[in-house]
């Protein structure tokens, strides 16, 4: 099978998995998409790591624009979205996403890979064993902007939707879990929009990028993932609204541990 055809078919399957996780957990799907794209772009297309890492992150972000929009609409219809929290947090997220993408575009590829794997390992353990604690303090606009700035920077740097960081932050300030997941899904769309746009500019004249690239965004992978992830995100949001997700989080966390260890070792 032609490498490009294999990559497109693999990305369509990947889109189903990422979409369900994005809708159900509000995590954007990047924790699955980035390591999968690193493998596909490096092994199947034979691209060097210094191009593969920023391209995997950028392409992951570009798909979250569409997945996040689908998840956002579903959560809005289900009443899981607090527009005040979403809009205020988005101010910091937009700025942070641009800054994080610029760092990722020029960071050494091996350092970016290890940073991604390390954070994935920490998030996996938190997802499996952490508890969403609450504080006595309530949210204010400066706090929301600050949370958004931090989450946007890290998420854009690593190509993730930010839900794994944003959900516990909002729950800490006594936002209901389902509302936090809905806001995280919507904010993931903002992270992806500004982050991927920054990656397009950073890679616009980069030498050595494959055909069908828009800056660091690899369009065939984006189109293939989006073709299945938007519908899957819709189903994931509905399942997450009706089902307990504790067991799923532990299973997903175990998967993240295995993938992060593989990225460290390989």
C-alpha atoms as a PDB file:
ATOM      1  CA  UNK A   1       0.000   0.000   0.000  1.00  0.00           C
ATOM      2  CA  UNK A   2       1.215   3.499  -0.847  1.00  0.00           C
ATOM      3  CA  UNK A   3       2.549   5.316   2.262  1.00  0.00           C
ATOM      4  CA  UNK A   4       0.244   8.312   1.725  1.00  0.00           C
ATOM      5  CA  UNK A   5      -2.847   6.104   1.354  1.00  0.00           C
ATOM      6  CA  UNK A   6      -1.886   4.159   4.473  1.00  0.00           C
ATOM      7  CA  UNK A   7      -1.429   7.446   6.357  1.00  0.00           C
ATOM      8  CA  UNK A   8      -4.848   8.746   5.260  1.00  0.00           C
ATOM      9  CA  UNK A   9      -6.659   5.539   6.247  1.00  0.00           C
ATOM     10  CA  UNK A  10      -4.830   5.440   9.578  1.00  0.00           C
ATOM     11  CA  UNK A  11      -5.758   9.064  10.249  1.00  0.00           C
ATOM     12  CA  UNK A  12      -9.436   8.341   9.589  1.00  0.00           C
ATOM     13  CA  UNK A  13      -9.371   5.655  12.297  1.00  0.00           C
ATOM     14  CA  UNK A  14      -7.406   8.022  14.508  1.00  0.00           C
ATOM     15  CA  UNK A  15     -10.096  10.663  13.997  1.00  0.00           C
ATOM     16  CA  UNK A  16     -12.773   8.332  15.365  1.00  0.00           C
ATOM     17  CA  UNK A  17     -10.776   7.693  18.541  1.00  0.00           C
ATOM     18  CA  UNK A  18      -9.780  11.326  19.047  1.00  0.00           C
ATOM     19  CA  UNK A  19     -13.304  12.578  18.391  1.00  0.00           C
ATOM     20  CA  UNK A  20     -14.914  10.317  20.984  1.00  0.00           C
ATOM     21  CA  UNK A  21     -12.301  11.280  23.587  1.00  0.00           C
ATOM     22  CA  UNK A  22     -12.680  14.978  22.771  1.00  0.00           C
ATOM     23  CA  UNK A  23     -16.442  14.928  23.194  1.00  0.00           C
ATOM     24  CA  UNK A  24     -16.491  12.670  26.241  1.00  0.00           C
ATOM     25  CA  UNK A  25     -13.587  14.088  28.260  1.00  0.00           C
ATOM     26  CA  UNK A  26     -13.104  17.552  26.751  1.00  0.00           C
ATOM     27  CA  UNK A  27      -9.418  16.796  26.061  1.00  0.00           C
ATOM     28  CA  UNK A  28      -9.244  17.720  22.363  1.00  0.00           C
ATOM     29  CA  UNK A  29      -7.727  14.422  21.211  1.00  0.00           C
ATOM     30  CA  UNK A  30      -4.192  15.744  20.800  1.00  0.00           C
ATOM     31  CA  UNK A  31      -2.781  13.328  23.381  1.00  0.00           C
ATOM     32  CA  UNK A  32      -3.644  10.563  20.906  1.00  0.00           C
ATOM     33  CA  UNK A  33      -3.105  12.422  17.630  1.00  0.00           C
ATOM     34  CA  UNK A  34       0.412  13.769  18.240  1.00  0.00           C
ATOM     35  CA  UNK A  35       2.213  10.461  19.029  1.00  0.00           C
ATOM     36  CA  UNK A  36       0.331   8.714  16.216  1.00  0.00           C
ATOM     37  CA  UNK A  37       1.351  11.398  13.713  1.00  0.00           C
ATOM     38  CA  UNK A  38       4.955  11.274  14.938  1.00  0.00           C
ATOM     39  CA  UNK A  39       5.008   7.582  14.015  1.00  0.00           C
ATOM     40  CA  UNK A  40       3.185   7.959  10.696  1.00  0.00           C
ATOM     41  CA  UNK A  41       5.178  10.949   9.457  1.00  0.00           C
ATOM     42  CA  UNK A  42       8.542   9.583  10.534  1.00  0.00           C
ATOM     43  CA  UNK A  43       8.168   5.893   9.711  1.00  0.00           C
ATOM     44  CA  UNK A  44       5.740   5.911   6.776  1.00  0.00           C
ATOM     45  CA  UNK A  45       6.760   9.147   5.042  1.00  0.00           C
ATOM     46  CA  UNK A  46      10.415   9.085   6.111  1.00  0.00           C
ATOM     47  CA  UNK A  47      10.532  12.657   7.392  1.00  0.00           C
ATOM     48  CA  UNK A  48      13.266  13.748   9.845  1.00  0.00           C
ATOM     49  CA  UNK A  49      12.343  14.330  13.494  1.00  0.00           C
ATOM     50  CA  UNK A  50      13.118  18.061  13.357  1.00  0.00           C
ATOM     51  CA  UNK A  51      10.231  18.432  10.881  1.00  0.00           C
ATOM     52  CA  UNK A  52       8.008  15.668  12.266  1.00  0.00           C
ATOM     53  CA  UNK A  53       7.609  17.080  15.802  1.00  0.00           C
ATOM     54  CA  UNK A  54       6.361  20.600  14.959  1.00  0.00           C
ATOM     55  CA  UNK A  55       4.317  19.173  12.075  1.00  0.00           C
ATOM     56  CA  UNK A  56       2.609  16.598  14.337  1.00  0.00           C
ATOM     57  CA  UNK A  57       1.802  19.297  16.909  1.00  0.00           C
ATOM     58  CA  UNK A  58       0.565  21.772  14.276  1.00  0.00           C
ATOM     59  CA  UNK A  59      -1.545  19.192  12.430  1.00  0.00           C
ATOM     60  CA  UNK A  60      -3.055  17.995  15.700  1.00  0.00           C
ATOM     61  CA  UNK A  61      -4.065  21.566  16.545  1.00  0.00           C
ATOM     62  CA  UNK A  62      -5.614  22.084  13.101  1.00  0.00           C
ATOM     63  CA  UNK A  63      -7.900  19.072  13.577  1.00  0.00           C
ATOM     64  CA  UNK A  64      -9.006  20.264  17.022  1.00  0.00           C
ATOM     65  CA  UNK A  65     -10.505  23.380  15.412  1.00  0.00           C
ATOM     66  CA  UNK A  66     -13.175  21.208  13.783  1.00  0.00           C
ATOM     67  CA  UNK A  67     -13.492  18.597  16.529  1.00  0.00           C
ATOM     68  CA  UNK A  68     -13.754  21.331  19.150  1.00  0.00           C
ATOM     69  CA  UNK A  69     -16.462  23.131  17.174  1.00  0.00           C
ATOM     70  CA  UNK A  70     -18.559  19.973  16.907  1.00  0.00           C
ATOM     71  CA  UNK A  71     -18.080  19.233  20.604  1.00  0.00           C
ATOM     72  CA  UNK A  72     -18.823  22.869  21.477  1.00  0.00           C
ATOM     73  CA  UNK A  73     -22.189  22.788  19.682  1.00  0.00           C
ATOM     74  CA  UNK A  74     -23.211  19.547  21.360  1.00  0.00           C
ATOM     75  CA  UNK A  75     -22.248  20.695  24.865  1.00  0.00           C
ATOM     76  CA  UNK A  76     -24.026  24.019  24.261  1.00  0.00           C
ATOM     77  CA  UNK A  77     -27.244  22.215  23.336  1.00  0.00           C
ATOM     78  CA  UNK A  78     -26.895  19.993  26.413  1.00  0.00           C
ATOM     79  CA  UNK A  79     -26.542  23.051  28.654  1.00  0.00           C
ATOM     80  CA  UNK A  80     -22.956  22.216  29.667  1.00  0.00           C
ATOM     81  CA  UNK A  81     -21.439  25.566  28.641  1.00  0.00           C
ATOM     82  CA  UNK A  82     -21.008  28.671  30.800  1.00  0.00           C
ATOM     83  CA  UNK A  83     -20.513  31.442  28.237  1.00  0.00           C
ATOM     84  CA  UNK A  84     -19.000  33.854  30.800  1.00  0.00           C
ATOM     85  CA  UNK A  85     -16.307  31.361  31.744  1.00  0.00           C
ATOM     86  CA  UNK A  86     -15.680  30.394  28.120  1.00  0.00           C
ATOM     87  CA  UNK A  87     -15.411  33.923  26.696  1.00  0.00           C
ATOM     88  CA  UNK A  88     -13.272  35.338  29.518  1.00  0.00           C
ATOM     89  CA  UNK A  89     -10.916  32.359  29.549  1.00  0.00           C
ATOM     90  CA  UNK A  90     -10.589  32.572  25.760  1.00  0.00           C
ATOM     91  CA  UNK A  91      -8.845  35.952  26.003  1.00  0.00           C
ATOM     92  CA  UNK A  92      -5.853  34.430  27.818  1.00  0.00           C
ATOM     93  CA  UNK A  93      -6.033  31.251  25.763  1.00  0.00           C
ATOM     94  CA  UNK A  94      -5.726  33.099  22.436  1.00  0.00           C
ATOM     95  CA  UNK A  95      -2.578  34.934  23.557  1.00  0.00           C
ATOM     96  CA  UNK A  96      -1.058  31.850  25.164  1.00  0.00           C
ATOM     97  CA  UNK A  97      -1.716  29.693  22.102  1.00  0.00           C
ATOM     98  CA  UNK A  98       0.242  32.053  19.836  1.00  0.00           C
ATOM     99  CA  UNK A  99       3.188  32.183  22.259  1.00  0.00           C
ATOM    100  CA  UNK A 100       3.268  28.401  22.770  1.00  0.00           C
ATOM    101  CA  UNK A 101       3.207  27.658  19.052  1.00  0.00           C
ATOM    102  CA  UNK A 102       6.160  29.968  18.408  1.00  0.00           C
ATOM    103  CA  UNK A 103       8.187  28.229  21.110  1.00  0.00           C
ATOM    104  CA  UNK A 104       7.334  24.801  19.676  1.00  0.00           C
ATOM    105  CA  UNK A 105       8.243  25.807  16.119  1.00  0.00           C
ATOM    106  CA  UNK A 106      11.813  26.711  17.096  1.00  0.00           C
ATOM    107  CA  UNK A 107      12.438  24.308  19.992  1.00  0.00           C
ATOM    108  CA  UNK A 108      14.867  21.415  19.292  1.00  0.00           C
ATOM    109  CA  UNK A 109      12.810  18.419  18.148  1.00  0.00           C
ATOM    110  CA  UNK A 110      14.223  15.970  20.708  1.00  0.00           C
ATOM    111  CA  UNK A 111      13.485  18.398  23.543  1.00  0.00           C
ATOM    112  CA  UNK A 112       9.913  18.918  22.297  1.00  0.00           C
ATOM    113  CA  UNK A 113       9.369  15.160  22.048  1.00  0.00           C
ATOM    114  CA  UNK A 114      10.591  14.546  25.584  1.00  0.00           C
ATOM    115  CA  UNK A 115       8.587  17.470  26.928  1.00  0.00           C
ATOM    116  CA  UNK A 116       5.443  16.093  25.326  1.00  0.00           C
ATOM    117  CA  UNK A 117       6.108  12.573  26.632  1.00  0.00           C
ATOM    118  CA  UNK A 118       6.843  13.848  30.138  1.00  0.00           C
ATOM    119  CA  UNK A 119       3.694  15.935  30.383  1.00  0.00           C
ATOM    120  CA  UNK A 120       1.656  13.078  28.945  1.00  0.00           C
ATOM    121  CA  UNK A 121       2.985  10.816  31.694  1.00  0.00           C
ATOM    122  CA  UNK A 122       2.064  13.348  34.402  1.00  0.00           C
ATOM    123  CA  UNK A 123      -1.415  13.861  32.970  1.00  0.00           C
ATOM    124  CA  UNK A 124      -1.936  10.110  32.770  1.00  0.00           C
ATOM    125  CA  UNK A 125      -1.193   9.620  36.465  1.00  0.00           C
ATOM    126  CA  UNK A 126      -3.350  12.574  37.378  1.00  0.00           C
ATOM    127  CA  UNK A 127      -6.199  11.251  35.254  1.00  0.00           C
ATOM    128  CA  UNK A 128      -5.952   7.805  36.857  1.00  0.00           C
ATOM    129  CA  UNK A 129      -5.325   8.715  40.499  1.00  0.00           C
ATOM    130  CA  UNK A 130      -5.906  12.449  40.931  1.00  0.00           C
ATOM    131  CA  UNK A 131      -8.927  13.977  42.567  1.00  0.00           C
ATOM    132  CA  UNK A 132     -10.632  17.147  41.424  1.00  0.00           C
ATOM    133  CA  UNK A 133     -10.372  19.213  44.577  1.00  0.00           C
ATOM    134  CA  UNK A 134     -12.156  22.499  45.151  1.00  0.00           C
ATOM    135  CA  UNK A 135     -11.200  25.731  46.861  1.00  0.00           C
ATOM    136  CA  UNK A 136     -13.251  28.223  48.818  1.00  0.00           C
ATOM    137  CA  UNK A 137     -12.347  30.983  46.363  1.00  0.00           C
ATOM    138  CA  UNK A 138     -14.578  31.841  43.433  1.00  0.00           C
ATOM    139  CA  UNK A 139     -13.570  32.670  39.883  1.00  0.00           C
ATOM    140  CA  UNK A 140     -12.867  36.222  38.785  1.00  0.00           C
ATOM    141  CA  UNK A 141     -12.033  37.652  35.383  1.00  0.00           C
ATOM    142  CA  UNK A 142      -8.290  38.061  36.089  1.00  0.00           C
ATOM    143  CA  UNK A 143      -8.105  34.461  37.343  1.00  0.00           C
ATOM    144  CA  UNK A 144      -9.899  33.181  34.231  1.00  0.00           C
ATOM    145  CA  UNK A 145      -7.579  35.123  31.919  1.00  0.00           C
ATOM    146  CA  UNK A 146      -4.543  33.832  33.846  1.00  0.00           C
ATOM    147  CA  UNK A 147      -5.771  30.240  33.676  1.00  0.00           C
ATOM    148  CA  UNK A 148      -6.385  30.661  29.960  1.00  0.00           C
ATOM    149  CA  UNK A 149      -2.899  32.100  29.385  1.00  0.00           C
ATOM    150  CA  UNK A 150      -1.207  29.153  31.086  1.00  0.00           C
ATOM    151  CA  UNK A 151      -3.396  26.484  29.526  1.00  0.00           C
ATOM    152  CA  UNK A 152      -3.198  28.073  26.070  1.00  0.00           C
ATOM    153  CA  UNK A 153       0.615  28.264  26.137  1.00  0.00           C
ATOM    154  CA  UNK A 154       1.162  24.650  27.232  1.00  0.00           C
ATOM    155  CA  UNK A 155      -1.576  23.253  24.995  1.00  0.00           C
ATOM    156  CA  UNK A 156      -0.343  24.993  21.860  1.00  0.00           C
ATOM    157  CA  UNK A 157       3.246  24.010  22.663  1.00  0.00           C
ATOM    158  CA  UNK A 158       2.221  20.329  22.814  1.00  0.00           C
ATOM    159  CA  UNK A 159      -0.627  20.188  20.266  1.00  0.00           C
ATOM    160  CA  UNK A 160      -3.377  19.258  22.741  1.00  0.00           C
ATOM    161  CA  UNK A 161      -6.831  20.718  23.258  1.00  0.00           C
ATOM    162  CA  UNK A 162      -6.111  21.698  26.848  1.00  0.00           C
ATOM    163  CA  UNK A 163      -8.977  19.880  28.549  1.00  0.00           C
ATOM    164  CA  UNK A 164      -6.662  17.762  30.697  1.00  0.00           C
ATOM    165  CA  UNK A 165      -5.301  21.024  32.130  1.00  0.00           C
ATOM    166  CA  UNK A 166      -8.388  23.238  32.026  1.00  0.00           C
ATOM    167  CA  UNK A 167     -10.980  20.863  33.509  1.00  0.00           C
ATOM    168  CA  UNK A 168      -9.227  20.389  36.897  1.00  0.00           C
ATOM    169  CA  UNK A 169      -8.418  24.127  37.001  1.00  0.00           C
ATOM    170  CA  UNK A 170     -12.083  25.078  36.603  1.00  0.00           C
ATOM    171  CA  UNK A 171     -13.283  22.377  39.008  1.00  0.00           C
ATOM    172  CA  UNK A 172     -10.798  23.752  41.567  1.00  0.00           C
ATOM    173  CA  UNK A 173     -12.798  26.992  41.485  1.00  0.00           C
ATOM    174  CA  UNK A 174     -16.080  25.128  42.036  1.00  0.00           C
ATOM    175  CA  UNK A 175     -17.244  24.900  38.411  1.00  0.00           C
ATOM    176  CA  UNK A 176     -19.416  21.782  37.949  1.00  0.00           C
ATOM    177  CA  UNK A 177     -17.610  18.879  36.242  1.00  0.00           C
ATOM    178  CA  UNK A 178     -19.885  18.686  33.178  1.00  0.00           C
ATOM    179  CA  UNK A 179     -19.755  22.471  32.766  1.00  0.00           C
ATOM    180  CA  UNK A 180     -15.943  22.366  33.050  1.00  0.00           C
ATOM    181  CA  UNK A 181     -15.790  19.673  30.350  1.00  0.00           C
ATOM    182  CA  UNK A 182     -18.085  21.708  28.084  1.00  0.00           C
ATOM    183  CA  UNK A 183     -16.003  24.870  28.562  1.00  0.00           C
ATOM    184  CA  UNK A 184     -12.769  22.922  27.987  1.00  0.00           C
ATOM    185  CA  UNK A 185     -14.123  21.520  24.714  1.00  0.00           C
ATOM    186  CA  UNK A 186     -15.054  25.022  23.538  1.00  0.00           C
ATOM    187  CA  UNK A 187     -11.740  26.537  24.668  1.00  0.00           C
ATOM    188  CA  UNK A 188      -9.892  23.780  22.819  1.00  0.00           C
ATOM    189  CA  UNK A 189     -11.303  25.225  19.614  1.00  0.00           C
ATOM    190  CA  UNK A 190      -9.784  28.637  20.464  1.00  0.00           C
ATOM    191  CA  UNK A 191      -6.397  27.102  21.349  1.00  0.00           C
ATOM    192  CA  UNK A 192      -6.382  25.194  18.075  1.00  0.00           C
ATOM    193  CA  UNK A 193      -7.403  28.172  15.939  1.00  0.00           C
ATOM    194  CA  UNK A 194      -4.728  30.556  17.202  1.00  0.00           C
ATOM    195  CA  UNK A 195      -2.071  27.869  17.714  1.00  0.00           C
ATOM    196  CA  UNK A 196      -2.336  26.286  14.279  1.00  0.00           C
ATOM    197  CA  UNK A 197      -2.444  29.724  12.641  1.00  0.00           C
ATOM    198  CA  UNK A 198       0.824  30.576  14.378  1.00  0.00           C
ATOM    199  CA  UNK A 199       2.355  27.277  13.184  1.00  0.00           C
ATOM    200  CA  UNK A 200       1.326  28.079   9.595  1.00  0.00           C
ATOM    201  CA  UNK A 201       3.216  31.371   9.784  1.00  0.00           C
ATOM    202  CA  UNK A 202       6.247  29.802  11.522  1.00  0.00           C
ATOM    203  CA  UNK A 203       6.636  27.138   8.814  1.00  0.00           C
ATOM    204  CA  UNK A 204       5.602  29.202   5.809  1.00  0.00           C
ATOM    205  CA  UNK A 205       9.057  29.291   4.163  1.00  0.00           C
ATOM    206  CA  UNK A 206      10.561  26.268   5.926  1.00  0.00           C
ATOM    207  CA  UNK A 207      12.656  24.115   3.565  1.00  0.00           C
ATOM    208  CA  UNK A 208      12.050  20.341   3.480  1.00  0.00           C
ATOM    209  CA  UNK A 209       8.349  20.228   4.259  1.00  0.00           C
ATOM    210  CA  UNK A 210       6.384  17.595   2.270  1.00  0.00           C
ATOM    211  CA  UNK A 211       3.901  18.388  -0.477  1.00  0.00           C
ATOM    212  CA  UNK A 212       0.396  19.470   0.571  1.00  0.00           C
ATOM    213  CA  UNK A 213       1.706  21.276   3.654  1.00  0.00           C
ATOM    214  CA  UNK A 214       0.418  24.648   4.821  1.00  0.00           C
ATOM    215  CA  UNK A 215       3.293  25.840   6.940  1.00  0.00           C
ATOM    216  CA  UNK A 216       3.736  23.060   9.504  1.00  0.00           C
ATOM    217  CA  UNK A 217       0.171  21.792   9.022  1.00  0.00           C
ATOM    218  CA  UNK A 218       0.037  18.612   6.914  1.00  0.00           C
ATOM    219  CA  UNK A 219      -3.287  18.958   5.097  1.00  0.00           C
ATOM    220  CA  UNK A 220      -3.895  15.284   4.063  1.00  0.00           C
ATOM    221  CA  UNK A 221      -3.675  14.195   7.714  1.00  0.00           C
ATOM    222  CA  UNK A 222      -5.876  17.084   8.839  1.00  0.00           C
ATOM    223  CA  UNK A 223      -8.576  16.280   6.289  1.00  0.00           C
ATOM    224  CA  UNK A 224      -8.541  12.544   7.057  1.00  0.00           C
ATOM    225  CA  UNK A 225      -8.782  13.007  10.830  1.00  0.00           C
ATOM    226  CA  UNK A 226     -11.500  15.658  10.588  1.00  0.00           C
ATOM    227  CA  UNK A 227     -13.580  13.528   8.208  1.00  0.00           C
ATOM    228  CA  UNK A 228     -14.370  11.159  11.084  1.00  0.00           C
ATOM    229  CA  UNK A 229     -13.606  13.115  14.275  1.00  0.00           C
ATOM    230  CA  UNK A 230     -16.435  15.653  14.030  1.00  0.00           C
ATOM    231  CA  UNK A 231     -19.163  13.025  14.022  1.00  0.00           C
ATOM    232  CA  UNK A 232     -17.341  10.995  16.669  1.00  0.00           C
ATOM    233  CA  UNK A 233     -17.050  14.087  18.912  1.00  0.00           C
ATOM    234  CA  UNK A 234     -20.814  14.517  18.749  1.00  0.00           C
ATOM    235  CA  UNK A 235     -21.345  10.951  19.973  1.00  0.00           C
ATOM    236  CA  UNK A 236     -18.614  11.312  22.597  1.00  0.00           C
ATOM    237  CA  UNK A 237     -20.219  14.434  24.083  1.00  0.00           C
ATOM    238  CA  UNK A 238     -23.579  12.661  24.376  1.00  0.00           C
ATOM    239  CA  UNK A 239     -22.022   9.552  25.937  1.00  0.00           C
ATOM    240  CA  UNK A 240     -20.045  11.681  28.385  1.00  0.00           C
ATOM    241  CA  UNK A 241     -23.247  13.479  29.396  1.00  0.00           C
ATOM    242  CA  UNK A 242     -25.004  10.225  30.291  1.00  0.00           C
ATOM    243  CA  UNK A 243     -22.252   7.833  31.421  1.00  0.00           C
ATOM    244  CA  UNK A 244     -19.805   7.737  34.347  1.00  0.00           C
ATOM    245  CA  UNK A 245     -16.322   8.336  32.959  1.00  0.00           C
ATOM    246  CA  UNK A 246     -14.071   7.243  35.861  1.00  0.00           C
ATOM    247  CA  UNK A 247     -13.282   3.820  34.403  1.00  0.00           C
ATOM    248  CA  UNK A 248     -12.687   5.238  30.932  1.00  0.00           C
ATOM    249  CA  UNK A 249     -10.242   7.773  32.376  1.00  0.00           C
ATOM    250  CA  UNK A 250      -8.198   5.010  34.013  1.00  0.00           C
ATOM    251  CA  UNK A 251      -8.092   2.958  30.794  1.00  0.00           C
ATOM    252  CA  UNK A 252      -7.093   5.991  28.769  1.00  0.00           C
ATOM    253  CA  UNK A 253      -4.461   6.930  31.364  1.00  0.00           C
ATOM    254  CA  UNK A 254      -2.910   3.473  31.045  1.00  0.00           C
ATOM    255  CA  UNK A 255      -2.707   3.936  27.297  1.00  0.00           C
ATOM    256  CA  UNK A 256      -1.004   7.320  27.749  1.00  0.00           C
ATOM    257  CA  UNK A 257       1.612   5.785  30.053  1.00  0.00           C
ATOM    258  CA  UNK A 258       2.532   3.189  27.423  1.00  0.00           C
ATOM    259  CA  UNK A 259       2.738   5.768  24.629  1.00  0.00           C
ATOM    260  CA  UNK A 260       4.817   8.222  26.693  1.00  0.00           C
ATOM    261  CA  UNK A 261       7.286   5.498  27.668  1.00  0.00           C
ATOM    262  CA  UNK A 262       7.611   4.489  24.029  1.00  0.00           C
ATOM    263  CA  UNK A 263       8.369   8.106  23.064  1.00  0.00           C
ATOM    264  CA  UNK A 264      11.004   8.351  25.806  1.00  0.00           C
ATOM    265  CA  UNK A 265      12.706   5.106  24.777  1.00  0.00           C
ATOM    266  CA  UNK A 266      12.476   5.447  20.989  1.00  0.00           C
END
